[in-house]
Protein backbone atom coordinates (compact mmCIF):
# COMPACT_ATOMS: atom_id res chain seq x y z
CA GLY A 1 -10.62 12.54 -19.77
CA SER A 2 -13.74 14.11 -19.03
CA VAL A 3 -16.02 10.74 -18.89
CA ALA A 4 -13.47 8.57 -17.33
CA VAL A 5 -12.94 11.37 -14.37
CA ASP A 6 -16.80 11.35 -13.74
CA LEU A 7 -16.97 7.74 -13.67
CA LEU A 8 -14.02 7.42 -11.40
CA ALA A 9 -15.35 10.37 -9.08
CA PHE A 10 -18.81 8.45 -9.07
CA GLN A 11 -16.96 5.45 -7.92
CA LEU A 12 -15.03 6.72 -5.42
CA ALA A 13 -17.48 8.80 -3.63
CA ASP A 14 -19.80 5.78 -2.93
CA PRO A 15 -18.53 4.43 0.99
CA ALA A 16 -20.52 1.25 0.33
CA ARG A 17 -17.94 0.20 -2.25
CA PRO A 18 -14.87 -2.10 -1.37
CA ILE A 19 -11.90 0.28 -0.06
CA GLU A 20 -9.57 -1.48 -2.74
CA PHE A 21 -12.35 0.01 -5.47
CA ARG A 22 -12.31 3.46 -4.03
CA LEU A 23 -8.21 3.64 -3.57
CA ASP A 24 -7.84 2.23 -7.20
CA ALA A 25 -10.12 5.07 -8.64
CA LEU A 26 -8.18 7.62 -6.74
CA TRP A 27 -4.58 6.24 -8.00
CA ALA A 28 -6.23 6.39 -11.52
CA LEU A 29 -7.28 9.96 -11.06
CA ASN A 30 -3.69 10.79 -10.30
CA TRP A 31 -2.66 9.34 -13.74
CA ILE A 32 -5.09 11.43 -15.30
CA GLN A 33 -3.44 14.93 -14.41
CA SER A 34 -6.10 16.89 -15.58
CA SER A 35 -7.43 19.90 -13.63
CA GLN A 36 -10.80 17.95 -12.85
CA ALA A 37 -9.04 15.13 -11.88
CA GLN A 38 -7.43 17.06 -9.41
CA ALA A 39 -10.54 18.67 -8.16
CA VAL A 40 -11.68 15.29 -7.24
CA VAL A 41 -8.45 14.24 -5.32
CA ARG A 42 -8.71 17.16 -3.46
CA ALA A 43 -12.26 16.53 -2.50
CA ALA A 44 -10.91 13.05 -1.36
CA ILE A 45 -8.65 14.82 1.31
CA LEU A 46 -11.62 15.41 3.49
CA ASP A 47 -13.34 11.78 3.09
CA GLU A 48 -14.76 10.43 5.78
CA ASP A 49 -12.69 7.14 5.61
CA PRO A 50 -8.81 7.84 6.73
CA ARG A 51 -7.29 5.52 4.22
CA VAL A 52 -8.90 7.37 1.53
CA ALA A 53 -7.92 10.53 2.62
CA GLN A 54 -4.53 9.52 3.43
CA ALA A 55 -4.05 8.38 0.02
CA ALA A 56 -5.26 11.48 -1.13
CA CYS A 57 -3.10 13.63 0.74
CA THR A 58 -0.44 11.11 -0.58
CA ILE A 59 -1.23 11.90 -4.32
CA THR A 60 -1.71 16.05 -3.47
CA SER A 61 1.77 15.76 -2.06
CA LEU A 62 2.98 14.28 -5.52
CA GLN A 63 1.25 16.42 -7.56
CA ARG A 64 2.75 19.55 -5.63
CA ASP A 65 -1.07 20.84 -5.81
CA GLY A 66 -0.98 24.50 -4.10
CA GLN A 67 -4.85 24.55 -4.58
CA ALA A 68 -5.37 21.83 -2.10
CA LEU A 69 -3.78 23.41 0.96
CA SER A 70 -6.96 24.36 2.48
CA ASN A 71 -7.98 20.87 2.82
CA LEU A 72 -4.85 19.58 3.85
CA LYS A 73 -4.97 21.90 6.79
CA GLN A 74 -8.29 20.75 7.70
CA GLN A 75 -6.91 17.40 7.92
CA LEU A 76 -3.71 18.38 10.18
CA SER A 77 -6.14 17.51 13.47
CA SER A 78 -7.09 14.49 11.82
CA THR A 79 -8.06 11.53 14.55
CA SER A 80 -5.89 9.64 12.27
CA LEU A 81 -2.09 10.00 12.70
CA HIS A 82 -1.52 8.62 9.35
CA VAL A 83 -3.68 11.04 7.62
CA ARG A 84 -2.13 13.93 9.77
CA ARG A 85 1.46 12.89 8.45
CA ALA A 86 0.68 12.54 5.24
CA ALA A 87 -1.40 16.17 5.12
CA LEU A 88 1.57 17.68 7.00
CA GLU A 89 4.07 16.27 4.42
CA ALA A 90 1.78 17.29 1.42
CA CYS A 91 1.52 21.13 3.21
CA GLY A 92 5.48 20.99 2.33
C-alpha cells in the first residue's frame, strides 16, 4: 500500500532515472488502485517528459479518474501530439 506508493512515486519523480524505470513505476501505480496512487498518476500527467505524461494520461483514461480533468485540460495544448491525443482521450 502506502509504502509501495511512496517508493514508486520517488522513482517516478526522478527525471535522471532511465525512462523504463519511470514508466514501470507509473504502470505499477495503476495496479495499486488507491487514492494515493491515483494522486501520483494525476501529478505525472504534467511531467516534463512527454513519454511519462502520455502514459499517465492513458492510465487516467483507463481508471476514468474524473479528478484528473484539470491536469488533462492543461495537456491539450502540449507540444507533443501524442500527449494531446492521450489527454483528449482521457477527457472522454
